[in-house]
Amino acid sequence: MGSFELERLLGAEEKNLEFHIWYLKEKGWIARIDTGEYVITANGVDAVVEGDLSIDKDRLLPQGTYDIKSDEKIN
């Protein structure tokens, strides 16, 4: 996922995400790939599993209702 997509989906400005992205990269939980997008790493997955981290359902994006690539809503 690219920075623009992340900002749009979270409803946050780049300046509000800079620290969080930096922190996740420094921990090795996310990485930036050749296309400029961010991806979760194996260490990131392990941190979620080992920390028994969970996200409340009201904080999750609806599954299958939005196509990030085309910026269109899916019915």
PDB file of N, CA and C in Angstrom:
ATOM      1  N   MET A   1       0.845  -1.156   0.000  1.00  0.00           N
ATOM      2  CA  MET A   1       0.000   0.000   0.000  1.00  0.00           C
ATOM      3  C   MET A   1       0.898   1.228   0.000  1.00  0.00           C
ATOM      4  N   GLY A   2       0.562   2.171  -0.834  1.00  0.00           N
ATOM      5  CA  GLY A   2       1.335   3.394  -0.919  1.00  0.00           C
ATOM      6  C   GLY A   2       0.947   4.405   0.147  1.00  0.00           C
ATOM      7  N   SER A   3       1.772   5.422   0.312  1.00  0.00           N
ATOM      8  CA  SER A   3       1.523   6.457   1.319  1.00  0.00           C
ATOM      9  C   SER A   3       0.186   7.160   1.091  1.00  0.00           C
ATOM     10  N   PHE A   4      -0.078   7.508  -0.173  1.00  0.00           N
ATOM     11  CA  PHE A   4      -1.323   8.208  -0.491  1.00  0.00           C
ATOM     12  C   PHE A   4      -2.534   7.356  -0.121  1.00  0.00           C
ATOM     13  N   GLU A   5      -2.498   6.082  -0.477  1.00  0.00           N
ATOM     14  CA  GLU A   5      -3.609   5.182  -0.160  1.00  0.00           C
ATOM     15  C   GLU A   5      -3.789   5.055   1.347  1.00  0.00           C
ATOM     16  N   LEU A   6      -2.674   4.942   2.058  1.00  0.00           N
ATOM     17  CA  LEU A   6      -2.720   4.825   3.514  1.00  0.00           C
ATOM     18  C   LEU A   6      -3.328   6.079   4.136  1.00  0.00           C
ATOM     19  N   GLU A   7      -2.894   7.247   3.678  1.00  0.00           N
ATOM     20  CA  GLU A   7      -3.437   8.509   4.184  1.00  0.00           C
ATOM     21  C   GLU A   7      -4.942   8.590   3.941  1.00  0.00           C
ATOM     22  N   ARG A   8      -5.345   8.241   2.732  1.00  0.00           N
ATOM     23  CA  ARG A   8      -6.761   8.334   2.370  1.00  0.00           C
ATOM     24  C   ARG A   8      -7.618   7.361   3.177  1.00  0.00           C
ATOM     25  N   LEU A   9      -7.159   6.134   3.297  1.00  0.00           N
ATOM     26  CA  LEU A   9      -7.942   5.130   4.017  1.00  0.00           C
ATOM     27  C   LEU A   9      -8.038   5.427   5.512  1.00  0.00           C
ATOM     28  N   LEU A  10      -6.974   5.986   6.076  1.00  0.00           N
ATOM     29  CA  LEU A  10      -6.975   6.305   7.506  1.00  0.00           C
ATOM     30  C   LEU A  10      -7.541   7.688   7.794  1.00  0.00           C
ATOM     31  N   GLY A  11      -7.696   8.483   6.755  1.00  0.00           N
ATOM     32  CA  GLY A  11      -8.182   9.845   6.956  1.00  0.00           C
ATOM     33  C   GLY A  11      -7.180  10.690   7.720  1.00  0.00           C
ATOM     34  N   ALA A  12      -5.894  10.445   7.469  1.00  0.00           N
ATOM     35  CA  ALA A  12      -4.835  11.159   8.180  1.00  0.00           C
ATOM     36  C   ALA A  12      -3.907  11.839   7.183  1.00  0.00           C
ATOM     37  N   GLU A  13      -3.290  12.911   7.629  1.00  0.00           N
ATOM     38  CA  GLU A  13      -2.330  13.610   6.789  1.00  0.00           C
ATOM     39  C   GLU A  13      -0.960  12.958   6.931  1.00  0.00           C
ATOM     40  N   GLU A  14      -0.125  13.152   5.913  1.00  0.00           N
ATOM     41  CA  GLU A  14       1.208  12.556   5.902  1.00  0.00           C
ATOM     42  C   GLU A  14       1.999  12.909   7.159  1.00  0.00           C
ATOM     43  N   LYS A  15       1.925  14.166   7.590  1.00  0.00           N
ATOM     44  CA  LYS A  15       2.688  14.589   8.763  1.00  0.00           C
ATOM     45  C   LYS A  15       2.255  13.844  10.028  1.00  0.00           C
ATOM     46  N   ASN A  16       1.017  13.371  10.059  1.00  0.00           N
ATOM     47  CA  ASN A  16       0.533  12.624  11.220  1.00  0.00           C
ATOM     48  C   ASN A  16       0.919  11.149  11.164  1.00  0.00           C
ATOM     49  N   LEU A  17       1.357  10.678   9.995  1.00  0.00           N
ATOM     50  CA  LEU A  17       1.742   9.282   9.839  1.00  0.00           C
ATOM     51  C   LEU A  17       3.252   9.080   9.853  1.00  0.00           C
ATOM     52  N   GLU A  18       4.018  10.156   9.672  1.00  0.00           N
ATOM     53  CA  GLU A  18       5.471  10.041   9.544  1.00  0.00           C
ATOM     54  C   GLU A  18       6.114   9.268  10.688  1.00  0.00           C
ATOM     55  N   PHE A  19       5.800   9.618  11.923  1.00  0.00           N
ATOM     56  CA  PHE A  19       6.406   8.938  13.069  1.00  0.00           C
ATOM     57  C   PHE A  19       6.035   7.468  13.086  1.00  0.00           C
ATOM     58  N   HIS A  20       4.783   7.175  12.856  1.00  0.00           N
ATOM     59  CA  HIS A  20       4.314   5.791  12.919  1.00  0.00           C
ATOM     60  C   HIS A  20       4.972   4.927  11.855  1.00  0.00           C
ATOM     61  N   ILE A  21       5.092   5.462  10.648  1.00  0.00           N
ATOM     62  CA  ILE A  21       5.757   4.725   9.575  1.00  0.00           C
ATOM     63  C   ILE A  21       7.234   4.538   9.906  1.00  0.00           C
ATOM     64  N   TRP A  22       7.874   5.593  10.399  1.00  0.00           N
ATOM     65  CA  TRP A  22       9.280   5.492  10.798  1.00  0.00           C
ATOM     66  C   TRP A  22       9.454   4.407  11.857  1.00  0.00           C
ATOM     67  N   TYR A  23       8.606   4.418  12.877  1.00  0.00           N
ATOM     68  CA  TYR A  23       8.711   3.459  13.975  1.00  0.00           C
ATOM     69  C   TYR A  23       8.550   2.024  13.472  1.00  0.00           C
ATOM     70  N   LEU A  24       7.524   1.784  12.668  1.00  0.00           N
ATOM     71  CA  LEU A  24       7.279   0.444  12.153  1.00  0.00           C
ATOM     72  C   LEU A  24       8.435  -0.037  11.271  1.00  0.00           C
ATOM     73  N   LYS A  25       9.018   0.880  10.489  1.00  0.00           N
ATOM     74  CA  LYS A  25      10.170   0.516   9.663  1.00  0.00           C
ATOM     75  C   LYS A  25      11.386   0.209  10.528  1.00  0.00           C
ATOM     76  N   GLU A  26      11.643   1.014  11.543  1.00  0.00           N
ATOM     77  CA  GLU A  26      12.790   0.798  12.428  1.00  0.00           C
ATOM     78  C   GLU A  26      12.681  -0.519  13.186  1.00  0.00           C
ATOM     79  N   LYS A  27      11.480  -0.909  13.553  1.00  0.00           N
ATOM     80  CA  LYS A  27      11.258  -2.185  14.241  1.00  0.00           C
ATOM     81  C   LYS A  27      11.352  -3.364  13.277  1.00  0.00           C
ATOM     82  N   GLY A  28      11.339  -3.087  11.990  1.00  0.00           N
ATOM     83  CA  GLY A  28      11.392  -4.148  10.990  1.00  0.00           C
ATOM     84  C   GLY A  28      10.039  -4.786  10.749  1.00  0.00           C
ATOM     85  N   TRP A  29       8.982  -4.088  11.117  1.00  0.00           N
ATOM     86  CA  TRP A  29       7.638  -4.640  10.984  1.00  0.00           C
ATOM     87  C   TRP A  29       7.015  -4.326   9.636  1.00  0.00           C
ATOM     88  N   ILE A  30       7.477  -3.259   8.987  1.00  0.00           N
ATOM     89  CA  ILE A  30       7.056  -2.962   7.621  1.00  0.00           C
ATOM     90  C   ILE A  30       8.305  -2.633   6.813  1.00  0.00           C
ATOM     91  N   ALA A  31       8.172  -2.713   5.501  1.00  0.00           N
ATOM     92  CA  ALA A  31       9.281  -2.368   4.609  1.00  0.00           C
ATOM     93  C   ALA A  31       8.702  -1.670   3.391  1.00  0.00           C
ATOM     94  N   ARG A  32       9.534  -0.884   2.753  1.00  0.00           N
ATOM     95  CA  ARG A  32       9.135  -0.227   1.511  1.00  0.00           C
ATOM     96  C   ARG A  32       9.747  -1.023   0.370  1.00  0.00           C
ATOM     97  N   ILE A  33       8.915  -1.439  -0.573  1.00  0.00           N
ATOM     98  CA  ILE A  33       9.389  -2.252  -1.689  1.00  0.00           C
ATOM     99  C   ILE A  33       9.719  -1.362  -2.885  1.00  0.00           C
ATOM    100  N   ASP A  34      10.225  -1.964  -3.946  1.00  0.00           N
ATOM    101  CA  ASP A  34      10.688  -1.231  -5.129  1.00  0.00           C
ATOM    102  C   ASP A  34       9.624  -0.320  -5.741  1.00  0.00           C
ATOM    103  N   THR A  35       8.375  -0.683  -5.610  1.00  0.00           N
ATOM    104  CA  THR A  35       7.296   0.130  -6.185  1.00  0.00           C
ATOM    105  C   THR A  35       6.956   1.336  -5.318  1.00  0.00           C
ATOM    106  N   GLY A  36       7.563   1.427  -4.127  1.00  0.00           N
ATOM    107  CA  GLY A  36       7.290   2.532  -3.218  1.00  0.00           C
ATOM    108  C   GLY A  36       6.187   2.230  -2.228  1.00  0.00           C
ATOM    109  N   GLU A  37       5.615   1.052  -2.332  1.00  0.00           N
ATOM    110  CA  GLU A  37       4.536   0.675  -1.420  1.00  0.00           C
ATOM    111  C   GLU A  37       5.113   0.079  -0.143  1.00  0.00           C
ATOM    112  N   TYR A  38       4.316   0.141   0.923  1.00  0.00           N
ATOM    113  CA  TYR A  38       4.694  -0.475   2.192  1.00  0.00           C
ATOM    114  C   TYR A  38       4.046  -1.844   2.294  1.00  0.00           C
ATOM    115  N   VAL A  39       4.806  -2.790   2.832  1.00  0.00           N
ATOM    116  CA  VAL A  39       4.303  -4.142   3.053  1.00  0.00           C
ATOM    117  C   VAL A  39       4.660  -4.575   4.457  1.00  0.00           C
ATOM    118  N   ILE A  40       3.856  -5.441   5.025  1.00  0.00           N
ATOM    119  CA  ILE A  40       4.181  -5.997   6.332  1.00  0.00           C
ATOM    120  C   ILE A  40       5.231  -7.085   6.135  1.00  0.00           C
ATOM    121  N   THR A  41       6.172  -7.158   7.050  1.00  0.00           N
ATOM    122  CA  THR A  41       7.244  -8.149   6.969  1.00  0.00           C
ATOM    123  C   THR A  41       6.902  -9.362   7.827  1.00  0.00           C
ATOM    124  N   ALA A  42       7.729 -10.401   7.706  1.00  0.00           N
ATOM    125  CA  ALA A  42       7.556 -11.580   8.556  1.00  0.00           C
ATOM    126  C   ALA A  42       7.693 -11.174  10.024  1.00  0.00           C
ATOM    127  N   ASN A  43       8.622 -10.273  10.325  1.00  0.00           N
ATOM    128  CA  ASN A  43       8.760  -9.792  11.703  1.00  0.00           C
ATOM    129  C   ASN A  43       7.498  -9.073  12.172  1.00  0.00           C
ATOM    130  N   GLY A  44       6.863  -8.339  11.255  1.00  0.00           N
ATOM    131  CA  GLY A  44       5.616  -7.662  11.587  1.00  0.00           C
ATOM    132  C   GLY A  44       4.505  -8.639  11.903  1.00  0.00           C
ATOM    133  N   VAL A  45       4.406  -9.687  11.114  1.00  0.00           N
ATOM    134  CA  VAL A  45       3.395 -10.718  11.372  1.00  0.00           C
ATOM    135  C   VAL A  45       3.691 -11.400  12.702  1.00  0.00           C
ATOM    136  N   ASP A  46       4.954 -11.739  12.933  1.00  0.00           N
ATOM    137  CA  ASP A  46       5.332 -12.378  14.197  1.00  0.00           C
ATOM    138  C   ASP A  46       4.996 -11.499  15.394  1.00  0.00           C
ATOM    139  N   ALA A  47       5.220 -10.183  15.276  1.00  0.00           N
ATOM    140  CA  ALA A  47       4.925  -9.262  16.374  1.00  0.00           C
ATOM    141  C   ALA A  47       3.435  -9.258  16.695  1.00  0.00           C
ATOM    142  N   VAL A  48       2.617  -9.309  15.669  1.00  0.00           N
ATOM    143  CA  VAL A  48       1.167  -9.349  15.889  1.00  0.00           C
ATOM    144  C   VAL A  48       0.768 -10.649  16.570  1.00  0.00           C
ATOM    145  N   VAL A  49       1.286 -11.768  16.062  1.00  0.00           N
ATOM    146  CA  VAL A  49       0.929 -13.080  16.603  1.00  0.00           C
ATOM    147  C   VAL A  49       1.457 -13.245  18.028  1.00  0.00           C
ATOM    148  N   GLU A  50       2.732 -12.940  18.239  1.00  0.00           N
ATOM    149  CA  GLU A  50       3.338 -13.118  19.558  1.00  0.00           C
ATOM    150  C   GLU A  50       2.759 -12.175  20.590  1.00  0.00           C
ATOM    151  N   GLY A  51       2.422 -10.984  20.178  1.00  0.00           N
ATOM    152  CA  GLY A  51       1.861 -10.010  21.105  1.00  0.00           C
ATOM    153  C   GLY A  51       0.377 -10.195  21.317  1.00  0.00           C
ATOM    154  N   ASP A  52      -0.182 -11.187  20.630  1.00  0.00           N
ATOM    155  CA  ASP A  52      -1.620 -11.433  20.680  1.00  0.00           C
ATOM    156  C   ASP A  52      -2.383 -10.133  20.458  1.00  0.00           C
ATOM    157  N   LEU A  53      -1.886  -9.350  19.494  1.00  0.00           N
ATOM    158  CA  LEU A  53      -2.501  -8.068  19.193  1.00  0.00           C
ATOM    159  C   LEU A  53      -3.755  -8.288  18.371  1.00  0.00           C
ATOM    160  N   SER A  54      -4.746  -7.545  18.687  1.00  0.00           N
ATOM    161  CA  SER A  54      -5.972  -7.625  17.907  1.00  0.00           C
ATOM    162  C   SER A  54      -6.518  -6.220  17.719  1.00  0.00           C
ATOM    163  N   ILE A  55      -7.326  -6.086  16.701  1.00  0.00           N
ATOM    164  CA  ILE A  55      -7.935  -4.803  16.397  1.00  0.00           C
ATOM    165  C   ILE A  55      -9.442  -4.968  16.549  1.00  0.00           C
ATOM    166  N   ASP A  56     -10.048  -4.039  17.267  1.00  0.00           N
ATOM    167  CA  ASP A  56     -11.499  -4.082  17.418  1.00  0.00           C
ATOM    168  C   ASP A  56     -12.153  -3.987  16.048  1.00  0.00           C
ATOM    169  N   LYS A  57     -13.259  -4.698  15.890  1.00  0.00           N
ATOM    170  CA  LYS A  57     -13.928  -4.739  14.587  1.00  0.00           C
ATOM    171  C   LYS A  57     -14.331  -3.356  14.089  1.00  0.00           C
ATOM    172  N   ASP A  58     -14.614  -2.428  14.988  1.00  0.00           N
ATOM    173  CA  ASP A  58     -14.997  -1.089  14.541  1.00  0.00           C
ATOM    174  C   ASP A  58     -13.817  -0.291  14.009  1.00  0.00           C
ATOM    175  N   ARG A  59     -12.593  -0.816  14.124  1.00  0.00           N
ATOM    176  CA  ARG A  59     -11.397  -0.148  13.622  1.00  0.00           C
ATOM    177  C   ARG A  59     -10.909  -0.746  12.303  1.00  0.00           C
ATOM    178  N   LEU A  60     -11.538  -1.825  11.840  1.00  0.00           N
ATOM    179  CA  LEU A  60     -11.139  -2.483  10.601  1.00  0.00           C
ATOM    180  C   LEU A  60     -11.855  -1.873   9.412  1.00  0.00           C
ATOM    181  N   LEU A  61     -11.185  -1.899   8.264  1.00  0.00           N
ATOM    182  CA  LEU A  61     -11.823  -1.472   7.029  1.00  0.00           C
ATOM    183  C   LEU A  61     -12.768  -2.571   6.567  1.00  0.00           C
ATOM    184  N   PRO A  62     -13.918  -2.206   6.032  1.00  0.00           N
ATOM    185  CA  PRO A  62     -14.843  -3.229   5.544  1.00  0.00           C
ATOM    186  C   PRO A  62     -14.182  -4.071   4.463  1.00  0.00           C
ATOM    187  N   GLN A  63     -14.339  -5.368   4.565  1.00  0.00           N
ATOM    188  CA  GLN A  63     -13.706  -6.276   3.611  1.00  0.00           C
ATOM    189  C   GLN A  63     -14.464  -6.283   2.294  1.00  0.00           C
ATOM    190  N   GLY A  64     -13.711  -6.171   1.205  1.00  0.00           N
ATOM    191  CA  GLY A  64     -14.296  -6.315  -0.118  1.00  0.00           C
ATOM    192  C   GLY A  64     -15.271  -5.233  -0.517  1.00  0.00           C
ATOM    193  N   THR A  65     -15.197  -4.065   0.089  1.00  0.00           N
ATOM    194  CA  THR A  65     -16.141  -3.018  -0.272  1.00  0.00           C
ATOM    195  C   THR A  65     -15.484  -1.871  -1.014  1.00  0.00           C
ATOM    196  N   TYR A  66     -14.140  -1.918  -1.155  1.00  0.00           N
ATOM    197  CA  TYR A  66     -13.442  -0.808  -1.790  1.00  0.00           C
ATOM    198  C   TYR A  66     -12.233  -1.324  -2.535  1.00  0.00           C
ATOM    199  N   ASP A  67     -12.096  -0.906  -3.773  1.00  0.00           N
ATOM    200  CA  ASP A  67     -10.954  -1.294  -4.595  1.00  0.00           C
ATOM    201  C   ASP A  67      -9.949  -0.153  -4.580  1.00  0.00           C
ATOM    202  N   ILE A  68      -8.846  -0.349  -3.867  1.00  0.00           N
ATOM    203  CA  ILE A  68      -7.845   0.700  -3.706  1.00  0.00           C
ATOM    204  C   ILE A  68      -7.249   1.106  -5.040  1.00  0.00           C
ATOM    205  N   LYS A  69      -6.979   0.153  -5.888  1.00  0.00           N
ATOM    206  CA  LYS A  69      -6.307   0.426  -7.171  1.00  0.00           C
ATOM    207  C   LYS A  69      -7.139   1.335  -8.075  1.00  0.00           C
ATOM    208  N   SER A  70      -8.455   1.075  -8.156  1.00  0.00           N
ATOM    209  CA  SER A  70      -9.293   1.871  -9.061  1.00  0.00           C
ATOM    210  C   SER A  70      -9.989   3.010  -8.323  1.00  0.00           C
ATOM    211  N   ASP A  71      -9.867   3.055  -6.983  1.00  0.00           N
ATOM    212  CA  ASP A  71     -10.496   4.081  -6.171  1.00  0.00           C
ATOM    213  C   ASP A  71     -12.019   4.073  -6.359  1.00  0.00           C
ATOM    214  N   GLU A  72     -12.584   2.853  -6.482  1.00  0.00           N
ATOM    215  CA  GLU A  72     -14.015   2.704  -6.673  1.00  0.00           C
ATOM    216  C   GLU A  72     -14.614   1.816  -5.604  1.00  0.00           C
ATOM    217  N   LYS A  73     -15.850   2.105  -5.284  1.00  0.00           N
ATOM    218  CA  LYS A  73     -16.581   1.282  -4.341  1.00  0.00           C
ATOM    219  C   LYS A  73     -17.091   0.035  -5.039  1.00  0.00           C
ATOM    220  N   ILE A  74     -16.999  -1.108  -4.358  1.00  0.00           N
ATOM    221  CA  ILE A  74     -17.485  -2.373  -4.907  1.00  0.00           C
ATOM    222  C   ILE A  74     -18.803  -2.711  -4.252  1.00  0.00           C
ATOM    223  N   ASN A  75     -19.813  -3.042  -5.059  1.00  0.00           N
ATOM    224  CA  ASN A  75     -21.131  -3.397  -4.504  1.00  0.00           C
ATOM    225  C   ASN A  75     -21.200  -4.830  -4.127  1.00  0.00           C
TER     226      ASN A  75
END
